[in-house]
Amino acid sequence: MSYKLILNKKSIKFINKRSQQDKKNIDSNLSMLKNNPYPNSLLDIKKLSNTDFYRLRVNNYRFIYEIIDDELVILMVNANNRGDIYLNVCSN
């Protein structure tokens, strides 16, 4: 049972600006995320406190997403560098 991953424009733009090696690493992590978007031993995922959002850590990059279980959808709401991501968790 695999989830569908939906990336917003901001996340796609962020990923496209990374180096080839970083893109491969991000792509690999996002592929694993589709199989299990909840915290697990394979990926560094945490639920953000007081929100419905989760955070995926890939090296110094952070990806904030929401899980819509009844539709099997992962909605990526933001992607940024480690220091900048938490300033505007939900800004698009």
N, C-alpha and C. Protein backbone atom coordinates (compact mmCIF):
# COMPACT_ATOMS: atom_id res chain seq x y z
N MET A 1 0.85 -1.18 0.00
CA MET A 1 0.00 0.00 0.00
C MET A 1 0.89 1.24 0.00
N SER A 2 0.94 1.91 -1.11
CA SER A 2 1.82 3.07 -1.27
C SER A 2 0.99 4.36 -1.31
N TYR A 3 1.52 5.38 -0.69
CA TYR A 3 0.88 6.69 -0.70
C TYR A 3 1.29 7.45 -1.95
N LYS A 4 0.46 8.39 -2.35
CA LYS A 4 0.78 9.28 -3.47
C LYS A 4 1.42 10.54 -2.88
N LEU A 5 2.55 10.93 -3.39
CA LEU A 5 3.26 12.11 -2.90
C LEU A 5 2.95 13.30 -3.80
N ILE A 6 2.43 14.37 -3.21
CA ILE A 6 2.14 15.60 -3.94
C ILE A 6 3.06 16.69 -3.43
N LEU A 7 3.90 17.22 -4.33
CA LEU A 7 4.84 18.28 -3.98
C LEU A 7 4.28 19.62 -4.45
N ASN A 8 4.35 20.63 -3.59
CA ASN A 8 3.93 21.96 -4.05
C ASN A 8 5.07 22.59 -4.86
N LYS A 9 4.78 23.70 -5.53
CA LYS A 9 5.77 24.35 -6.41
C LYS A 9 7.04 24.72 -5.65
N LYS A 10 6.87 25.22 -4.44
CA LYS A 10 8.02 25.66 -3.63
C LYS A 10 8.96 24.48 -3.34
N SER A 11 8.39 23.33 -3.02
CA SER A 11 9.20 22.14 -2.73
C SER A 11 9.93 21.66 -3.98
N ILE A 12 9.24 21.65 -5.11
CA ILE A 12 9.86 21.22 -6.37
C ILE A 12 11.01 22.15 -6.73
N LYS A 13 10.80 23.45 -6.60
CA LYS A 13 11.84 24.44 -6.90
C LYS A 13 13.05 24.24 -5.99
N PHE A 14 12.79 23.99 -4.70
CA PHE A 14 13.87 23.77 -3.74
C PHE A 14 14.70 22.54 -4.13
N ILE A 15 14.03 21.44 -4.44
CA ILE A 15 14.73 20.21 -4.81
C ILE A 15 15.53 20.40 -6.09
N ASN A 16 14.96 21.07 -7.07
CA ASN A 16 15.64 21.27 -8.35
C ASN A 16 16.91 22.11 -8.22
N LYS A 17 17.01 22.93 -7.19
CA LYS A 17 18.20 23.76 -6.99
C LYS A 17 19.35 23.01 -6.32
N ARG A 18 19.11 21.80 -5.85
CA ARG A 18 20.15 21.02 -5.16
C ARG A 18 21.11 20.38 -6.16
N SER A 19 22.24 19.93 -5.66
CA SER A 19 23.22 19.24 -6.51
C SER A 19 22.67 17.87 -6.92
N GLN A 20 23.28 17.26 -7.95
CA GLN A 20 22.83 15.95 -8.42
C GLN A 20 22.85 14.92 -7.31
N GLN A 21 23.91 14.91 -6.51
CA GLN A 21 24.02 13.94 -5.42
C GLN A 21 22.92 14.16 -4.38
N ASP A 22 22.66 15.41 -4.03
CA ASP A 22 21.60 15.71 -3.07
C ASP A 22 20.24 15.31 -3.62
N LYS A 23 20.02 15.55 -4.92
CA LYS A 23 18.74 15.19 -5.54
C LYS A 23 18.51 13.68 -5.46
N LYS A 24 19.58 12.90 -5.72
CA LYS A 24 19.47 11.44 -5.64
C LYS A 24 19.10 11.01 -4.23
N ASN A 25 19.76 11.61 -3.25
CA ASN A 25 19.52 11.29 -1.85
C ASN A 25 18.08 11.66 -1.45
N ILE A 26 17.64 12.84 -1.85
CA ILE A 26 16.28 13.30 -1.55
C ILE A 26 15.26 12.38 -2.22
N ASP A 27 15.50 12.05 -3.49
CA ASP A 27 14.59 11.19 -4.23
C ASP A 27 14.46 9.82 -3.57
N SER A 28 15.58 9.29 -3.14
CA SER A 28 15.58 8.00 -2.45
C SER A 28 14.76 8.06 -1.16
N ASN A 29 14.94 9.12 -0.39
CA ASN A 29 14.19 9.28 0.86
C ASN A 29 12.70 9.48 0.59
N LEU A 30 12.35 10.25 -0.43
CA LEU A 30 10.94 10.47 -0.75
C LEU A 30 10.28 9.19 -1.24
N SER A 31 11.04 8.35 -1.94
CA SER A 31 10.50 7.05 -2.38
C SER A 31 10.18 6.17 -1.18
N MET A 32 11.07 6.14 -0.21
CA MET A 32 10.82 5.37 1.00
C MET A 32 9.65 5.95 1.80
N LEU A 33 9.53 7.28 1.76
CA LEU A 33 8.46 7.95 2.48
C LEU A 33 7.08 7.51 1.97
N LYS A 34 6.99 7.27 0.66
CA LYS A 34 5.71 6.87 0.07
C LYS A 34 5.22 5.53 0.63
N ASN A 35 6.15 4.67 1.03
CA ASN A 35 5.76 3.37 1.58
C ASN A 35 5.32 3.46 3.04
N ASN A 36 5.91 4.38 3.79
CA ASN A 36 5.54 4.54 5.19
C ASN A 36 5.84 5.98 5.63
N PRO A 37 4.81 6.85 5.62
CA PRO A 37 5.03 8.26 5.94
C PRO A 37 5.08 8.57 7.43
N TYR A 38 4.92 7.54 8.26
CA TYR A 38 4.94 7.75 9.72
C TYR A 38 6.34 7.49 10.27
N PRO A 39 6.65 8.02 11.46
CA PRO A 39 7.97 7.78 12.04
C PRO A 39 8.32 6.30 12.06
N ASN A 40 9.51 5.97 11.56
CA ASN A 40 9.98 4.58 11.49
C ASN A 40 11.49 4.55 11.59
N SER A 41 12.04 3.34 11.57
CA SER A 41 13.49 3.21 11.76
C SER A 41 14.29 3.50 10.49
N LEU A 42 13.65 3.55 9.33
CA LEU A 42 14.38 3.79 8.07
C LEU A 42 14.64 5.26 7.80
N LEU A 43 13.71 6.12 8.20
CA LEU A 43 13.81 7.55 7.90
C LEU A 43 13.77 8.36 9.18
N ASP A 44 14.36 9.55 9.14
CA ASP A 44 14.33 10.46 10.29
C ASP A 44 13.08 11.33 10.18
N ILE A 45 11.98 10.85 10.76
CA ILE A 45 10.69 11.55 10.71
C ILE A 45 10.24 11.86 12.12
N LYS A 46 9.72 13.05 12.32
CA LYS A 46 9.14 13.42 13.61
C LYS A 46 7.82 14.14 13.37
N LYS A 47 6.89 13.92 14.27
CA LYS A 47 5.63 14.66 14.22
C LYS A 47 5.89 16.01 14.89
N LEU A 48 5.46 17.10 14.24
CA LEU A 48 5.66 18.43 14.81
C LEU A 48 4.60 18.66 15.88
N SER A 49 5.04 19.11 17.04
CA SER A 49 4.12 19.28 18.16
C SER A 49 3.06 20.33 17.87
N ASN A 50 1.87 20.07 18.36
CA ASN A 50 0.70 20.97 18.23
C ASN A 50 0.28 21.21 16.78
N THR A 51 0.64 20.32 15.86
CA THR A 51 0.21 20.45 14.46
C THR A 51 -0.14 19.07 13.92
N ASP A 52 -0.65 19.04 12.70
CA ASP A 52 -0.89 17.78 12.00
C ASP A 52 0.25 17.45 11.05
N PHE A 53 1.34 18.19 11.13
CA PHE A 53 2.43 18.05 10.18
C PHE A 53 3.54 17.15 10.71
N TYR A 54 4.30 16.59 9.76
CA TYR A 54 5.46 15.77 10.06
C TYR A 54 6.67 16.41 9.39
N ARG A 55 7.86 16.08 9.93
CA ARG A 55 9.12 16.60 9.38
C ARG A 55 10.00 15.43 8.97
N LEU A 56 10.46 15.47 7.72
CA LEU A 56 11.43 14.50 7.23
C LEU A 56 12.78 15.21 7.14
N ARG A 57 13.80 14.61 7.73
CA ARG A 57 15.15 15.18 7.68
C ARG A 57 15.99 14.39 6.69
N VAL A 58 16.58 15.11 5.74
CA VAL A 58 17.52 14.52 4.79
C VAL A 58 18.76 15.41 4.82
N ASN A 59 19.82 14.95 5.49
CA ASN A 59 21.04 15.74 5.71
C ASN A 59 20.68 17.08 6.36
N ASN A 60 21.00 18.19 5.71
CA ASN A 60 20.68 19.51 6.28
C ASN A 60 19.37 20.07 5.75
N TYR A 61 18.61 19.25 5.06
CA TYR A 61 17.34 19.70 4.48
C TYR A 61 16.17 19.16 5.31
N ARG A 62 15.10 19.94 5.33
CA ARG A 62 13.90 19.53 6.05
C ARG A 62 12.71 19.61 5.10
N PHE A 63 11.84 18.63 5.21
CA PHE A 63 10.62 18.57 4.40
C PHE A 63 9.44 18.45 5.35
N ILE A 64 8.51 19.38 5.25
CA ILE A 64 7.33 19.38 6.11
C ILE A 64 6.16 18.87 5.28
N TYR A 65 5.45 17.89 5.82
CA TYR A 65 4.34 17.32 5.06
C TYR A 65 3.17 16.95 5.95
N GLU A 66 2.03 16.76 5.29
CA GLU A 66 0.80 16.36 5.97
C GLU A 66 0.36 15.04 5.35
N ILE A 67 -0.20 14.16 6.17
CA ILE A 67 -0.67 12.87 5.69
C ILE A 67 -2.20 12.89 5.63
N ILE A 68 -2.75 12.53 4.49
CA ILE A 68 -4.21 12.42 4.34
C ILE A 68 -4.49 10.94 4.14
N ASP A 69 -4.76 10.24 5.26
CA ASP A 69 -4.88 8.79 5.25
C ASP A 69 -6.02 8.25 4.40
N ASP A 70 -7.18 8.88 4.47
CA ASP A 70 -8.32 8.32 3.74
C ASP A 70 -8.16 8.39 2.23
N GLU A 71 -7.23 9.22 1.75
CA GLU A 71 -6.95 9.30 0.31
C GLU A 71 -5.58 8.72 -0.04
N LEU A 72 -4.85 8.24 0.97
CA LEU A 72 -3.48 7.74 0.80
C LEU A 72 -2.61 8.77 0.09
N VAL A 73 -2.61 10.00 0.63
CA VAL A 73 -1.87 11.11 0.04
C VAL A 73 -0.91 11.70 1.07
N ILE A 74 0.29 12.02 0.61
CA ILE A 74 1.25 12.79 1.39
C ILE A 74 1.37 14.14 0.70
N LEU A 75 1.01 15.20 1.40
CA LEU A 75 1.03 16.54 0.83
C LEU A 75 2.23 17.29 1.38
N MET A 76 3.23 17.52 0.53
CA MET A 76 4.44 18.23 0.92
C MET A 76 4.13 19.72 0.94
N VAL A 77 4.22 20.35 2.11
CA VAL A 77 3.86 21.76 2.20
C VAL A 77 5.06 22.70 2.20
N ASN A 78 6.25 22.17 2.53
CA ASN A 78 7.41 23.06 2.53
C ASN A 78 8.70 22.24 2.50
N ALA A 79 9.73 22.80 1.93
CA ALA A 79 11.06 22.21 1.90
C ALA A 79 12.06 23.35 1.99
N ASN A 80 13.08 23.17 2.86
CA ASN A 80 14.06 24.24 3.01
C ASN A 80 15.27 23.72 3.76
N ASN A 81 16.24 24.60 3.96
CA ASN A 81 17.42 24.27 4.74
C ASN A 81 17.05 24.16 6.22
N ARG A 82 17.89 23.50 6.95
CA ARG A 82 17.63 23.21 8.36
C ARG A 82 17.26 24.45 9.17
N GLY A 83 17.99 25.53 9.04
CA GLY A 83 17.76 26.71 9.87
C GLY A 83 16.55 27.53 9.48
N ASP A 84 16.11 27.40 8.24
CA ASP A 84 15.05 28.28 7.72
C ASP A 84 13.66 27.67 7.73
N ILE A 85 13.55 26.36 7.83
CA ILE A 85 12.27 25.69 7.62
C ILE A 85 11.25 26.00 8.70
N TYR A 86 11.67 26.12 9.94
CA TYR A 86 10.70 26.24 11.03
C TYR A 86 10.17 27.65 11.21
N LEU A 87 10.73 28.62 10.51
CA LEU A 87 10.24 29.99 10.63
C LEU A 87 8.82 30.10 10.10
N ASN A 88 8.56 29.48 8.95
CA ASN A 88 7.24 29.53 8.33
C ASN A 88 6.83 28.12 7.96
N VAL A 89 6.42 27.34 8.92
CA VAL A 89 6.10 25.94 8.67
C VAL A 89 5.05 25.77 7.58
N CYS A 90 4.03 26.59 7.60
CA CYS A 90 2.92 26.39 6.66
C CYS A 90 2.83 27.46 5.60
N SER A 91 3.80 28.32 5.46
CA SER A 91 3.67 29.37 4.45
C SER A 91 3.93 28.78 3.07
N ASN A 92 3.14 29.15 2.11
CA ASN A 92 3.31 28.64 0.75
C ASN A 92 3.70 29.74 -0.19
